[in-house]
Amino acid sequence: MILYCATPKNELNNRRPVVVAGDFTASGHILTAIGYSSKGYIVNDPWGNALTGYSDTEGTRLTYPYDYMDRVAGPNGGVWAHFIRKK
């Protein structure tokens, strides 16, 4: 799964956010990965916390476990990710 490869983590190690698209909602959604830990990716989710079904609308610096991200952002072995860099 692409989220486990070195590229996203390399971007995050260089303090560059990664915008990730996935099935966080029934119609799809994006969020921004801003870091990672041993427990999962640290994200800013503009709708709130997907792990609560978005009943919690605070989405700053959440940790989404790796298995959750694998399920919703890479179910077919790939993921849409945008890497933000200066020209």
PDB file of N, CA and C in Angstrom:
ATOM      1  N   MET A   1       0.841  -1.185   0.000  1.00  0.00           N
ATOM      2  CA  MET A   1       0.000   0.000   0.000  1.00  0.00           C
ATOM      3  C   MET A   1       0.878   1.238   0.000  1.00  0.00           C
ATOM      4  N   ILE A   2       0.561   2.197  -0.783  1.00  0.00           N
ATOM      5  CA  ILE A   2       1.439   3.353  -0.982  1.00  0.00           C
ATOM      6  C   ILE A   2       1.680   4.174   0.282  1.00  0.00           C
ATOM      7  N   LEU A   3       0.738   4.218   1.202  1.00  0.00           N
ATOM      8  CA  LEU A   3       0.956   5.008   2.422  1.00  0.00           C
ATOM      9  C   LEU A   3       2.079   4.438   3.275  1.00  0.00           C
ATOM     10  N   TYR A   4       2.419   3.180   3.078  1.00  0.00           N
ATOM     11  CA  TYR A   4       3.504   2.576   3.842  1.00  0.00           C
ATOM     12  C   TYR A   4       4.851   2.756   3.162  1.00  0.00           C
ATOM     13  N   CYS A   5       4.873   3.208   1.927  1.00  0.00           N
ATOM     14  CA  CYS A   5       6.148   3.369   1.238  1.00  0.00           C
ATOM     15  C   CYS A   5       6.883   4.591   1.775  1.00  0.00           C
ATOM     16  N   ALA A   6       8.111   4.746   1.358  1.00  0.00           N
ATOM     17  CA  ALA A   6       8.963   5.807   1.906  1.00  0.00           C
ATOM     18  C   ALA A   6       8.531   7.200   1.461  1.00  0.00           C
ATOM     19  N   THR A   7       7.882   7.358   0.320  1.00  0.00           N
ATOM     20  CA  THR A   7       7.612   8.687  -0.218  1.00  0.00           C
ATOM     21  C   THR A   7       6.773   9.568   0.702  1.00  0.00           C
ATOM     22  N   PRO A   8       5.581   9.153   1.158  1.00  0.00           N
ATOM     23  CA  PRO A   8       4.829  10.035   2.058  1.00  0.00           C
ATOM     24  C   PRO A   8       5.590  10.344   3.345  1.00  0.00           C
ATOM     25  N   LYS A   9       6.207   9.331   3.927  1.00  0.00           N
ATOM     26  CA  LYS A   9       6.954   9.571   5.163  1.00  0.00           C
ATOM     27  C   LYS A   9       8.158  10.461   4.907  1.00  0.00           C
ATOM     28  N   ASN A  10       8.782  10.310   3.756  1.00  0.00           N
ATOM     29  CA  ASN A  10       9.899  11.179   3.407  1.00  0.00           C
ATOM     30  C   ASN A  10       9.424  12.626   3.293  1.00  0.00           C
ATOM     31  N   GLU A  11       8.280  12.831   2.667  1.00  0.00           N
ATOM     32  CA  GLU A  11       7.713  14.179   2.563  1.00  0.00           C
ATOM     33  C   GLU A  11       7.438  14.745   3.954  1.00  0.00           C
ATOM     34  N   LEU A  12       6.836  13.944   4.809  1.00  0.00           N
ATOM     35  CA  LEU A  12       6.518  14.392   6.164  1.00  0.00           C
ATOM     36  C   LEU A  12       7.791  14.650   6.979  1.00  0.00           C
ATOM     37  N   ASN A  13       8.815  13.825   6.781  1.00  0.00           N
ATOM     38  CA  ASN A  13      10.092  14.042   7.464  1.00  0.00           C
ATOM     39  C   ASN A  13      10.715  15.378   7.077  1.00  0.00           C
ATOM     40  N   ASN A  14      10.417  15.832   5.862  1.00  0.00           N
ATOM     41  CA  ASN A  14      10.927  17.108   5.371  1.00  0.00           C
ATOM     42  C   ASN A  14       9.957  18.250   5.604  1.00  0.00           C
ATOM     43  N   ARG A  15       9.005  18.018   6.516  1.00  0.00           N
ATOM     44  CA  ARG A  15       8.021  19.029   6.933  1.00  0.00           C
ATOM     45  C   ARG A  15       7.135  19.514   5.790  1.00  0.00           C
ATOM     46  N   ARG A  16       6.841  18.585   4.870  1.00  0.00           N
ATOM     47  CA  ARG A  16       5.926  18.899   3.779  1.00  0.00           C
ATOM     48  C   ARG A  16       4.653  18.079   3.980  1.00  0.00           C
ATOM     49  N   PRO A  17       3.491  18.728   4.035  1.00  0.00           N
ATOM     50  CA  PRO A  17       2.231  18.001   4.229  1.00  0.00           C
ATOM     51  C   PRO A  17       1.883  17.144   3.019  1.00  0.00           C
ATOM     52  N   VAL A  18       1.076  16.135   3.251  1.00  0.00           N
ATOM     53  CA  VAL A  18       0.603  15.250   2.185  1.00  0.00           C
ATOM     54  C   VAL A  18      -0.918  15.256   2.217  1.00  0.00           C
ATOM     55  N   VAL A  19      -1.536  15.677   1.126  1.00  0.00           N
ATOM     56  CA  VAL A  19      -2.991  15.680   1.019  1.00  0.00           C
ATOM     57  C   VAL A  19      -3.420  14.300   0.518  1.00  0.00           C
ATOM     58  N   VAL A  20      -4.303  13.646   1.272  1.00  0.00           N
ATOM     59  CA  VAL A  20      -4.717  12.267   0.989  1.00  0.00           C
ATOM     60  C   VAL A  20      -6.216  12.232   0.719  1.00  0.00           C
ATOM     61  N   ALA A  21      -6.606  11.553  -0.350  1.00  0.00           N
ATOM     62  CA  ALA A  21      -8.018  11.340  -0.668  1.00  0.00           C
ATOM     63  C   ALA A  21      -8.394   9.910  -0.315  1.00  0.00           C
ATOM     64  N   GLY A  22      -9.646   9.712   0.075  1.00  0.00           N
ATOM     65  CA  GLY A  22     -10.085   8.358   0.396  1.00  0.00           C
ATOM     66  C   GLY A  22     -11.553   8.291   0.725  1.00  0.00           C
ATOM     67  N   ASP A  23     -11.982   7.118   1.128  1.00  0.00           N
ATOM     68  CA  ASP A  23     -13.376   6.864   1.467  1.00  0.00           C
ATOM     69  C   ASP A  23     -13.623   7.125   2.951  1.00  0.00           C
ATOM     70  N   PHE A  24     -13.250   8.297   3.411  1.00  0.00           N
ATOM     71  CA  PHE A  24     -13.490   8.685   4.794  1.00  0.00           C
ATOM     72  C   PHE A  24     -14.975   8.934   5.024  1.00  0.00           C
ATOM     73  N   THR A  25     -15.690   9.289   3.962  1.00  0.00           N
ATOM     74  CA  THR A  25     -17.147   9.441   3.980  1.00  0.00           C
ATOM     75  C   THR A  25     -17.704   8.635   2.807  1.00  0.00           C
ATOM     76  N   ALA A  26     -19.011   8.485   2.746  1.00  0.00           N
ATOM     77  CA  ALA A  26     -19.633   7.715   1.663  1.00  0.00           C
ATOM     78  C   ALA A  26     -19.368   8.319   0.290  1.00  0.00           C
ATOM     79  N   SER A  27     -19.209   9.632   0.232  1.00  0.00           N
ATOM     80  CA  SER A  27     -18.972  10.276  -1.064  1.00  0.00           C
ATOM     81  C   SER A  27     -17.508  10.645  -1.281  1.00  0.00           C
ATOM     82  N   GLY A  28     -16.624  10.218  -0.396  1.00  0.00           N
ATOM     83  CA  GLY A  28     -15.207  10.537  -0.531  1.00  0.00           C
ATOM     84  C   GLY A  28     -14.862  11.812   0.226  1.00  0.00           C
ATOM     85  N   HIS A  29     -13.582  12.005   0.474  1.00  0.00           N
ATOM     86  CA  HIS A  29     -13.157  13.117   1.321  1.00  0.00           C
ATOM     87  C   HIS A  29     -11.644  13.243   1.213  1.00  0.00           C
ATOM     88  N   ILE A  30     -11.102  14.403   1.543  1.00  0.00           N
ATOM     89  CA  ILE A  30      -9.657  14.569   1.627  1.00  0.00           C
ATOM     90  C   ILE A  30      -9.282  15.093   3.005  1.00  0.00           C
ATOM     91  N   LEU A  31      -8.041  14.845   3.368  1.00  0.00           N
ATOM     92  CA  LEU A  31      -7.479  15.372   4.605  1.00  0.00           C
ATOM     93  C   LEU A  31      -5.996  15.611   4.367  1.00  0.00           C
ATOM     94  N   THR A  32      -5.349  16.208   5.340  1.00  0.00           N
ATOM     95  CA  THR A  32      -3.930  16.499   5.216  1.00  0.00           C
ATOM     96  C   THR A  32      -3.159  15.747   6.289  1.00  0.00           C
ATOM     97  N   ALA A  33      -2.231  14.900   5.850  1.00  0.00           N
ATOM     98  CA  ALA A  33      -1.318  14.237   6.782  1.00  0.00           C
ATOM     99  C   ALA A  33      -0.193  15.224   7.084  1.00  0.00           C
ATOM    100  N   ILE A  34       0.068  15.417   8.369  1.00  0.00           N
ATOM    101  CA  ILE A  34       1.100  16.375   8.776  1.00  0.00           C
ATOM    102  C   ILE A  34       2.236  15.704   9.541  1.00  0.00           C
ATOM    103  N   GLY A  35       2.113  14.418   9.799  1.00  0.00           N
ATOM    104  CA  GLY A  35       3.150  13.688  10.518  1.00  0.00           C
ATOM    105  C   GLY A  35       2.740  12.242  10.688  1.00  0.00           C
ATOM    106  N   TYR A  36       3.553  11.506  11.439  1.00  0.00           N
ATOM    107  CA  TYR A  36       3.224  10.116  11.738  1.00  0.00           C
ATOM    108  C   TYR A  36       3.912   9.718  13.037  1.00  0.00           C
ATOM    109  N   SER A  37       3.401   8.660  13.626  1.00  0.00           N
ATOM    110  CA  SER A  37       3.960   8.115  14.860  1.00  0.00           C
ATOM    111  C   SER A  37       3.916   6.598  14.747  1.00  0.00           C
ATOM    112  N   SER A  38       4.264   5.924  15.808  1.00  0.00           N
ATOM    113  CA  SER A  38       4.191   4.465  15.801  1.00  0.00           C
ATOM    114  C   SER A  38       2.745   3.972  15.720  1.00  0.00           C
ATOM    115  N   LYS A  39       1.783   4.846  16.052  1.00  0.00           N
ATOM    116  CA  LYS A  39       0.366   4.469  16.066  1.00  0.00           C
ATOM    117  C   LYS A  39      -0.362   4.764  14.764  1.00  0.00           C
ATOM    118  N   GLY A  40       0.145   5.684  13.947  1.00  0.00           N
ATOM    119  CA  GLY A  40      -0.530   6.015  12.704  1.00  0.00           C
ATOM    120  C   GLY A  40      -0.132   7.375  12.184  1.00  0.00           C
ATOM    121  N   TYR A  41      -0.874   7.828  11.178  1.00  0.00           N
ATOM    122  CA  TYR A  41      -0.628   9.152  10.603  1.00  0.00           C
ATOM    123  C   TYR A  41      -1.307  10.226  11.438  1.00  0.00           C
ATOM    124  N   ILE A  42      -0.631  11.337  11.617  1.00  0.00           N
ATOM    125  CA  ILE A  42      -1.189  12.503  12.300  1.00  0.00           C
ATOM    126  C   ILE A  42      -1.775  13.377  11.207  1.00  0.00           C
ATOM    127  N   VAL A  43      -3.061  13.688  11.321  1.00  0.00           N
ATOM    128  CA  VAL A  43      -3.770  14.371  10.245  1.00  0.00           C
ATOM    129  C   VAL A  43      -4.547  15.583  10.758  1.00  0.00           C
ATOM    130  N   ASN A  44      -4.808  16.473   9.836  1.00  0.00           N
ATOM    131  CA  ASN A  44      -5.802  17.523  10.032  1.00  0.00           C
ATOM    132  C   ASN A  44      -6.958  17.168   9.107  1.00  0.00           C
ATOM    133  N   ASP A  45      -8.108  16.923   9.683  1.00  0.00           N
ATOM    134  CA  ASP A  45      -9.292  16.543   8.921  1.00  0.00           C
ATOM    135  C   ASP A  45     -10.307  17.664   9.049  1.00  0.00           C
ATOM    136  N   PRO A  46     -10.618  18.358   7.944  1.00  0.00           N
ATOM    137  CA  PRO A  46     -11.481  19.540   8.029  1.00  0.00           C
ATOM    138  C   PRO A  46     -12.901  19.266   8.516  1.00  0.00           C
ATOM    139  N   TRP A  47     -13.365  18.038   8.448  1.00  0.00           N
ATOM    140  CA  TRP A  47     -14.720  17.730   8.915  1.00  0.00           C
ATOM    141  C   TRP A  47     -14.758  17.309  10.372  1.00  0.00           C
ATOM    142  N   GLY A  48     -13.612  16.960  10.938  1.00  0.00           N
ATOM    143  CA  GLY A  48     -13.570  16.474  12.315  1.00  0.00           C
ATOM    144  C   GLY A  48     -12.936  15.109  12.370  1.00  0.00           C
ATOM    145  N   ASN A  49     -13.380  14.300  13.297  1.00  0.00           N
ATOM    146  CA  ASN A  49     -12.793  12.989  13.516  1.00  0.00           C
ATOM    147  C   ASN A  49     -13.607  11.897  12.837  1.00  0.00           C
ATOM    148  N   ALA A  50     -13.043  11.328  11.780  1.00  0.00           N
ATOM    149  CA  ALA A  50     -13.738  10.259  11.053  1.00  0.00           C
ATOM    150  C   ALA A  50     -13.968   9.037  11.924  1.00  0.00           C
ATOM    151  N   LEU A  51     -13.105   8.821  12.900  1.00  0.00           N
ATOM    152  CA  LEU A  51     -13.235   7.646  13.764  1.00  0.00           C
ATOM    153  C   LEU A  51     -14.465   7.717  14.662  1.00  0.00           C
ATOM    154  N   THR A  52     -15.056   8.910  14.792  1.00  0.00           N
ATOM    155  CA  THR A  52     -16.299   9.064  15.560  1.00  0.00           C
ATOM    156  C   THR A  52     -17.494   9.255  14.626  1.00  0.00           C
ATOM    157  N   GLY A  53     -17.301   9.002  13.336  1.00  0.00           N
ATOM    158  CA  GLY A  53     -18.366   9.246  12.364  1.00  0.00           C
ATOM    159  C   GLY A  53     -18.623  10.732  12.186  1.00  0.00           C
ATOM    160  N   TYR A  54     -17.599  11.526  12.503  1.00  0.00           N
ATOM    161  CA  TYR A  54     -17.650  12.991  12.427  1.00  0.00           C
ATOM    162  C   TYR A  54     -18.619  13.611  13.429  1.00  0.00           C
ATOM    163  N   SER A  55     -18.977  12.854  14.498  1.00  0.00           N
ATOM    164  CA  SER A  55     -19.764  13.480  15.566  1.00  0.00           C
ATOM    165  C   SER A  55     -18.880  14.457  16.354  1.00  0.00           C
ATOM    166  N   ASP A  56     -17.579  14.191  16.382  1.00  0.00           N
ATOM    167  CA  ASP A  56     -16.608  15.123  16.964  1.00  0.00           C
ATOM    168  C   ASP A  56     -16.081  15.965  15.818  1.00  0.00           C
ATOM    169  N   THR A  57     -16.356  17.253  15.819  1.00  0.00           N
ATOM    170  CA  THR A  57     -15.994  18.119  14.696  1.00  0.00           C
ATOM    171  C   THR A  57     -14.617  18.762  14.841  1.00  0.00           C
ATOM    172  N   GLU A  58     -13.876  18.408  15.870  1.00  0.00           N
ATOM    173  CA  GLU A  58     -12.500  18.906  16.017  1.00  0.00           C
ATOM    174  C   GLU A  58     -11.572  17.944  15.283  1.00  0.00           C
ATOM    175  N   GLY A  59     -10.951  18.431  14.218  1.00  0.00           N
ATOM    176  CA  GLY A  59     -10.136  17.553  13.389  1.00  0.00           C
ATOM    177  C   GLY A  59      -8.666  17.899  13.342  1.00  0.00           C
ATOM    178  N   THR A  60      -8.181  18.631  14.335  1.00  0.00           N
ATOM    179  CA  THR A  60      -6.781  19.066  14.338  1.00  0.00           C
ATOM    180  C   THR A  60      -5.895  18.049  15.051  1.00  0.00           C
ATOM    181  N   ARG A  61      -4.821  17.662  14.379  1.00  0.00           N
ATOM    182  CA  ARG A  61      -3.789  16.769  14.939  1.00  0.00           C
ATOM    183  C   ARG A  61      -4.363  15.449  15.469  1.00  0.00           C
ATOM    184  N   LEU A  62      -5.210  14.834  14.673  1.00  0.00           N
ATOM    185  CA  LEU A  62      -5.761  13.524  15.018  1.00  0.00           C
ATOM    186  C   LEU A  62      -4.789  12.436  14.590  1.00  0.00           C
ATOM    187  N   THR A  63      -4.821  11.317  15.263  1.00  0.00           N
ATOM    188  CA  THR A  63      -4.045  10.155  14.813  1.00  0.00           C
ATOM    189  C   THR A  63      -5.017   9.138  14.236  1.00  0.00           C
ATOM    190  N   TYR A  64      -4.837   8.855  12.946  1.00  0.00           N
ATOM    191  CA  TYR A  64      -5.608   7.807  12.294  1.00  0.00           C
ATOM    192  C   TYR A  64      -4.695   6.596  12.160  1.00  0.00           C
ATOM    193  N   PRO A  65      -5.071   5.463  12.758  1.00  0.00           N
ATOM    194  CA  PRO A  65      -4.220   4.269  12.731  1.00  0.00           C
ATOM    195  C   PRO A  65      -3.892   3.828  11.303  1.00  0.00           C
ATOM    196  N   TYR A  66      -2.727   3.204  11.155  1.00  0.00           N
ATOM    197  CA  TYR A  66      -2.294   2.738   9.835  1.00  0.00           C
ATOM    198  C   TYR A  66      -3.301   1.785   9.210  1.00  0.00           C
ATOM    199  N   ASP A  67      -3.892   0.879   9.995  1.00  0.00           N
ATOM    200  CA  ASP A  67      -4.850  -0.071   9.411  1.00  0.00           C
ATOM    201  C   ASP A  67      -6.108   0.641   8.924  1.00  0.00           C
ATOM    202  N   TYR A  68      -6.531   1.693   9.619  1.00  0.00           N
ATOM    203  CA  TYR A  68      -7.680   2.477   9.174  1.00  0.00           C
ATOM    204  C   TYR A  68      -7.353   3.193   7.859  1.00  0.00           C
ATOM    205  N   MET A  69      -6.199   3.833   7.801  1.00  0.00           N
ATOM    206  CA  MET A  69      -5.806   4.536   6.575  1.00  0.00           C
ATOM    207  C   MET A  69      -5.680   3.559   5.410  1.00  0.00           C
ATOM    208  N   ASP A  70      -5.179   2.370   5.679  1.00  0.00           N
ATOM    209  CA  ASP A  70      -5.069   1.352   4.635  1.00  0.00           C
ATOM    210  C   ASP A  70      -6.446   0.984   4.110  1.00  0.00           C
ATOM    211  N   ARG A  71      -7.408   0.860   4.995  1.00  0.00           N
ATOM    212  CA  ARG A  71      -8.772   0.459   4.616  1.00  0.00           C
ATOM    213  C   ARG A  71      -9.497   1.552   3.832  1.00  0.00           C
ATOM    214  N   VAL A  72      -9.390   2.811   4.249  1.00  0.00           N
ATOM    215  CA  VAL A  72     -10.190   3.863   3.615  1.00  0.00           C
ATOM    216  C   VAL A  72      -9.455   4.632   2.524  1.00  0.00           C
ATOM    217  N   ALA A  73      -8.133   4.657   2.584  1.00  0.00           N
ATOM    218  CA  ALA A  73      -7.389   5.453   1.598  1.00  0.00           C
ATOM    219  C   ALA A  73      -6.636   4.591   0.597  1.00  0.00           C
ATOM    220  N   GLY A  74      -6.596   3.297   0.802  1.00  0.00           N
ATOM    221  CA  GLY A  74      -5.856   2.459  -0.132  1.00  0.00           C
ATOM    222  C   GLY A  74      -6.417   1.069  -0.288  1.00  0.00           C
ATOM    223  N   PRO A  75      -7.744   0.934  -0.410  1.00  0.00           N
ATOM    224  CA  PRO A  75      -8.327  -0.418  -0.468  1.00  0.00           C
ATOM    225  C   PRO A  75      -7.922  -1.212  -1.700  1.00  0.00           C
ATOM    226  N   ASN A  76      -7.483  -0.546  -2.763  1.00  0.00           N
ATOM    227  CA  ASN A  76      -7.076  -1.247  -3.980  1.00  0.00           C
ATOM    228  C   ASN A  76      -5.563  -1.278  -4.131  1.00  0.00           C
ATOM    229  N   GLY A  77      -4.846  -0.995  -3.049  1.00  0.00           N
ATOM    230  CA  GLY A  77      -3.394  -1.016  -3.108  1.00  0.00           C
ATOM    231  C   GLY A  77      -2.784   0.295  -3.556  1.00  0.00           C
ATOM    232  N   GLY A  78      -3.604   1.304  -3.776  1.00  0.00           N
ATOM    233  CA  GLY A  78      -3.110   2.608  -4.195  1.00  0.00           C
ATOM    234  C   GLY A  78      -3.905   3.703  -3.524  1.00  0.00           C
ATOM    235  N   VAL A  79      -3.401   4.901  -3.616  1.00  0.00           N
ATOM    236  CA  VAL A  79      -4.075   6.030  -2.975  1.00  0.00           C
ATOM    237  C   VAL A  79      -3.778   7.292  -3.767  1.00  0.00           C
ATOM    238  N   TRP A  80      -4.726   8.205  -3.770  1.00  0.00           N
ATOM    239  CA  TRP A  80      -4.480   9.520  -4.347  1.00  0.00           C
ATOM    240  C   TRP A  80      -3.837  10.381  -3.280  1.00  0.00           C
ATOM    241  N   ALA A  81      -2.639  10.858  -3.554  1.00  0.00           N
ATOM    242  CA  ALA A  81      -1.946  11.733  -2.616  1.00  0.00           C
ATOM    243  C   ALA A  81      -1.312  12.873  -3.395  1.00  0.00           C
ATOM    244  N   HIS A  82      -1.343  14.041  -2.805  1.00  0.00           N
ATOM    245  CA  HIS A  82      -0.740  15.223  -3.409  1.00  0.00           C
ATOM    246  C   HIS A  82       0.398  15.668  -2.504  1.00  0.00           C
ATOM    247  N   PHE A  83       1.565  15.847  -3.110  1.00  0.00           N
ATOM    248  CA  PHE A  83       2.731  16.280  -2.362  1.00  0.00           C
ATOM    249  C   PHE A  83       2.943  17.770  -2.614  1.00  0.00           C
ATOM    250  N   ILE A  84       3.028  18.544  -1.543  1.00  0.00           N
ATOM    251  CA  ILE A  84       3.127  19.998  -1.615  1.00  0.00           C
ATOM    252  C   ILE A  84       4.595  20.396  -1.551  1.00  0.00           C
ATOM    253  N   ARG A  85       5.061  21.076  -2.608  1.00  0.00           N
ATOM    254  CA  ARG A  85       6.455  21.532  -2.645  1.00  0.00           C
ATOM    255  C   ARG A  85       6.533  22.918  -3.265  1.00  0.00           C
ATOM    256  N   LYS A  86       7.548  23.656  -2.855  1.00  0.00           N
ATOM    257  CA  LYS A  86       7.819  24.944  -3.485  1.00  0.00           C
ATOM    258  C   LYS A  86       8.452  24.695  -4.845  1.00  0.00           C
ATOM    259  N   LYS A  87       8.262  25.655  -5.755  1.00  0.00           N
ATOM    260  CA  LYS A  87       8.907  25.565  -7.070  1.00  0.00           C
ATOM    261  C   LYS A  87      10.382  25.764  -6.947  1.00  0.00           C
TER     262      LYS A  87
END
